[in-house]
Amino acid sequence: MGETTTPLTDGATTTTIVINGNSVTAVKGYLVIYQGAEFVYDGTKWIELGDLSALGNLAWADTASGSYTPAGSVTQPTFTGSSSSVTISATNSASGNYTPAGTVT
């Protein structure tokens, strides 16, 4: 609905609020902001969803960029296993299925 000048707190039962200088009767589902806090009306009382006043400028930005230099170091690992060669021999299949051919080392 917008920003209200009517003081609201979590659990408040206020039904008439002022938005843009106009008195409005609260209806279930209305969402308003009062002094940075976000409230929704459940038909009986106002429920505070959160306080937006602590959000910084980045909360309202569509994009952001920056630079970062990582700390620490990276070293190339060493191989500790053993190597081997594998040879695969196969014949082409007349059934239309692919049968691998060749060698792998």
Protein backbone atom coordinates (compact mmCIF):
# COMPACT_ATOMS: atom_id res chain seq x y z
CA MET A 1 0.00 0.00 0.00
CA GLY A 2 2.91 2.33 0.69
CA GLU A 3 4.46 4.15 3.59
CA THR A 4 2.28 5.10 6.53
CA THR A 5 2.69 7.88 9.07
CA THR A 6 0.50 5.99 11.53
CA PRO A 7 2.63 4.47 14.31
CA LEU A 8 2.60 0.66 14.05
CA THR A 9 4.14 -2.06 16.20
CA ASP A 10 4.09 -5.84 15.96
CA GLY A 11 0.61 -6.95 17.08
CA ALA A 12 -0.99 -3.49 16.82
CA THR A 13 -4.73 -3.63 16.18
CA THR A 14 -4.96 -0.20 14.51
CA THR A 15 -7.44 -0.42 11.63
CA THR A 16 -7.26 3.13 10.25
CA ILE A 17 -3.88 4.24 8.93
CA VAL A 18 -2.68 7.28 6.99
CA ILE A 19 -0.96 6.76 3.63
CA ASN A 20 0.04 9.78 1.53
CA GLY A 21 -2.13 12.00 3.74
CA ASN A 22 -5.24 9.86 3.19
CA SER A 23 -7.01 7.80 5.87
CA VAL A 24 -7.26 4.18 4.79
CA THR A 25 -9.06 1.30 6.51
CA ALA A 26 -6.75 -1.70 6.75
CA VAL A 27 -7.79 -4.84 4.87
CA LYS A 28 -6.31 -8.31 5.29
CA GLY A 29 -3.17 -8.56 3.18
CA TYR A 30 -2.25 -4.86 3.21
CA LEU A 31 1.49 -4.36 3.33
CA VAL A 32 2.88 -1.05 4.61
CA ILE A 33 6.13 0.46 5.80
CA TYR A 34 6.38 2.53 8.96
CA GLN A 35 9.76 4.10 9.80
CA GLY A 36 11.65 1.44 7.87
CA ALA A 37 9.74 -1.52 9.33
CA GLU A 38 7.57 -3.65 7.05
CA PHE A 39 4.13 -4.72 8.31
CA VAL A 40 1.34 -6.92 6.93
CA TYR A 41 -2.25 -6.82 8.20
CA ASP A 42 -3.74 -10.26 8.89
CA GLY A 43 -7.30 -8.98 9.25
CA THR A 44 -7.00 -8.53 13.01
CA LYS A 45 -3.53 -7.22 13.77
CA TRP A 46 -0.34 -5.94 12.15
CA ILE A 47 2.56 -8.38 11.89
CA GLU A 48 6.07 -6.98 11.55
CA LEU A 49 7.90 -8.81 8.77
CA GLY A 50 11.23 -7.07 9.23
CA ASP A 51 13.03 -3.79 9.58
CA LEU A 52 14.40 -2.35 6.34
CA SER A 53 16.13 0.61 7.99
CA ALA A 54 19.32 -1.37 8.62
CA LEU A 55 19.79 -2.22 4.93
CA GLY A 56 22.58 -0.41 3.17
CA ASN A 57 22.72 1.02 -0.34
CA LEU A 58 23.69 -2.34 -1.85
CA ALA A 59 20.29 -3.77 -0.84
CA TRP A 60 18.67 -1.47 -3.41
CA ALA A 61 21.26 -1.90 -6.20
CA ASP A 62 20.67 -3.94 -9.34
CA THR A 63 24.39 -4.56 -9.90
CA ALA A 64 27.62 -4.36 -7.96
CA SER A 65 31.28 -4.92 -8.66
CA GLY A 66 34.48 -4.98 -6.71
CA SER A 67 37.90 -6.55 -6.54
CA TYR A 68 39.27 -9.15 -4.20
CA THR A 69 42.79 -10.44 -3.71
CA PRO A 70 42.78 -13.91 -2.18
CA ALA A 71 45.19 -14.69 0.63
CA GLY A 72 47.33 -17.78 0.94
CA SER A 73 49.21 -19.80 -1.62
CA VAL A 74 48.59 -22.60 -4.09
CA THR A 75 51.14 -25.27 -4.98
CA GLN A 76 51.07 -27.82 -7.77
CA PRO A 77 50.22 -31.27 -6.39
CA THR A 78 52.46 -34.24 -7.11
CA PHE A 79 51.22 -37.57 -8.45
CA THR A 80 51.79 -40.41 -5.99
CA GLY A 81 50.21 -43.36 -7.84
CA SER A 82 51.65 -45.64 -10.48
CA SER A 83 51.08 -45.37 -14.21
CA SER A 84 50.12 -48.15 -16.60
CA SER A 85 49.15 -48.63 -20.24
CA VAL A 86 45.84 -50.02 -21.40
CA THR A 87 45.23 -51.44 -24.87
CA ILE A 88 41.70 -52.04 -26.12
CA SER A 89 40.97 -53.92 -29.32
CA ALA A 90 37.46 -54.29 -30.71
CA THR A 91 35.78 -55.00 -34.01
CA ASN A 92 33.02 -52.98 -35.65
CA SER A 93 29.55 -54.36 -35.12
CA ALA A 94 27.24 -54.98 -38.04
CA SER A 95 24.18 -54.52 -35.79
CA GLY A 96 24.43 -50.72 -35.93
CA ASN A 97 25.65 -50.38 -32.34
CA TYR A 98 28.84 -48.42 -31.85
CA THR A 99 31.77 -50.51 -30.75
CA PRO A 100 34.88 -48.57 -29.70
CA ALA A 101 38.05 -49.22 -31.68
CA GLY A 102 41.66 -48.17 -31.24
CA THR A 103 44.07 -47.95 -28.34
CA VAL A 104 44.28 -45.91 -25.18
CA THR A 105 47.62 -45.29 -23.50
